Protein backbone atom coordinates (compact mmCIF):
# COMPACT_ATOMS: atom_id res chain seq x y z
CA MET A 1 -36.72 67.09 -48.77
CA LYS A 2 -35.02 70.44 -48.23
CA ILE A 3 -34.89 69.89 -44.49
CA LYS A 4 -33.10 66.55 -44.94
CA ARG A 5 -30.51 68.16 -47.24
CA ARG A 6 -29.78 70.85 -44.70
CA THR A 7 -29.28 68.39 -41.86
CA ASP A 8 -27.03 66.21 -44.03
CA ARG A 9 -25.00 69.23 -45.07
CA LYS A 10 -24.79 70.41 -41.47
CA LYS A 11 -23.60 66.99 -40.27
CA LYS A 12 -20.98 66.88 -43.01
CA ARG A 13 -19.79 70.38 -42.15
CA ILE A 14 -19.51 69.48 -38.43
CA PHE A 15 -17.53 66.33 -39.29
CA VAL A 16 -15.13 68.18 -41.62
CA PHE A 17 -14.61 70.95 -39.04
CA SER A 18 -13.94 68.45 -36.22
CA PHE A 19 -11.60 66.39 -38.40
CA THR A 20 -9.66 69.51 -39.44
CA ILE A 21 -9.27 70.70 -35.85
CA THR A 22 -8.10 67.25 -34.72
CA ILE A 23 -5.52 66.92 -37.51
CA SER A 24 -4.29 70.47 -36.86
CA PHE A 25 -3.88 69.69 -33.16
CA LEU A 26 -1.94 66.47 -33.89
CA ILE A 27 0.36 68.32 -36.30
CA LEU A 28 0.92 71.04 -33.67
CA ILE A 29 1.86 68.51 -30.97
CA SER A 30 4.14 66.63 -33.40
CA GLY A 31 5.88 69.88 -34.30
CA LEU A 32 6.39 70.81 -30.64
CA ILE A 33 7.91 67.39 -29.90
CA LEU A 34 10.19 67.65 -32.94
CA VAL A 35 11.39 71.15 -32.01
CA ASP A 36 12.03 70.02 -28.42
CA PHE A 37 14.09 67.04 -29.63
CA GLN A 38 16.11 69.07 -32.14
CA GLY A 39 16.69 71.83 -29.57
CA ARG A 40 17.99 69.37 -26.98
CA LYS A 41 20.20 67.72 -29.61
CA MET A 42 21.73 71.03 -30.72
CA SER A 43 22.17 72.66 -27.30
CA THR A 44 23.25 69.76 -25.08
CA GLY A 45 24.02 66.94 -27.50
CA ASP A 46 21.28 64.80 -25.91
CA LYS A 47 20.14 62.34 -28.58
CA THR A 48 17.56 60.53 -26.43
CA PRO A 49 14.47 59.91 -28.60
CA PRO A 50 11.27 61.61 -27.42
CA ILE A 51 9.31 58.33 -27.34
CA SER A 52 10.86 54.87 -27.13
CA ILE A 53 10.09 51.37 -25.91
CA VAL A 54 12.55 50.16 -23.27
CA GLU A 55 12.82 46.42 -22.63
CA GLU A 56 14.13 45.79 -19.10
CA SER A 57 13.55 42.04 -19.23
CA GLU A 58 11.75 39.68 -21.57
CA GLU A 59 8.45 40.17 -19.74
CA THR A 60 8.79 43.84 -18.75
CA LYS A 61 8.53 46.60 -21.34
CA TYR A 62 8.04 50.31 -20.78
CA LEU A 63 7.04 53.17 -23.04
CA HIS A 64 9.55 55.89 -22.14
CA ILE A 65 8.34 59.44 -22.89
CA TYR A 66 11.06 62.09 -22.69
CA SER A 67 9.77 65.27 -24.29
CA LEU A 68 8.46 68.73 -23.41
CA GLY A 69 9.71 68.44 -19.83
CA ILE A 70 8.05 65.05 -19.32
CA ASP A 71 10.19 62.11 -18.24
CA LYS A 72 7.79 59.23 -17.67
CA LYS A 73 7.71 55.44 -18.01
CA ILE A 74 4.45 53.64 -18.76
CA ASP A 75 4.21 49.87 -18.38
CA VAL A 76 3.17 48.29 -21.70
CA SER A 77 3.99 44.66 -20.86
CA THR A 78 0.43 43.41 -21.30
CA VAL A 79 0.07 45.21 -24.63
CA SER A 80 3.34 43.62 -25.73
CA VAL A 81 2.12 40.13 -24.81
CA VAL A 82 -1.17 40.66 -26.67
CA TRP A 83 0.68 42.00 -29.73
CA LYS A 84 3.03 38.98 -29.67
CA ASP A 85 0.02 36.62 -29.60
CA ILE A 86 -1.62 38.47 -32.51
CA ARG A 87 1.61 38.24 -34.52
CA LYS A 88 1.84 34.50 -33.86
CA PHE A 89 -1.82 33.99 -34.80
CA LEU A 90 -1.45 35.95 -38.06
CA SER A 91 2.01 34.45 -38.77
CA LEU A 92 3.62 37.89 -39.03
CA PRO A 93 7.43 38.17 -38.83
CA GLU A 94 8.99 39.64 -35.70
């Protein structure tokens, strides 16, 4: 029985350690993005949000990432169509 307790405790410790590292990393990245946005807003007056969804037409939507020196558009049209179908199926408001 002692061996089982040790393995359970070890698994729990590994999970807690991994979870803590992941949350810390996400908080770090969020802080860097926030500081970048606030710095751009104060120095140049640029109020462009770091992450936004841009709708070019009814069928075409892009995820626009503008932070930490990255200026990229990612096509999320298919995700948008799937989300719209899920909302209709669940009768969620738009």
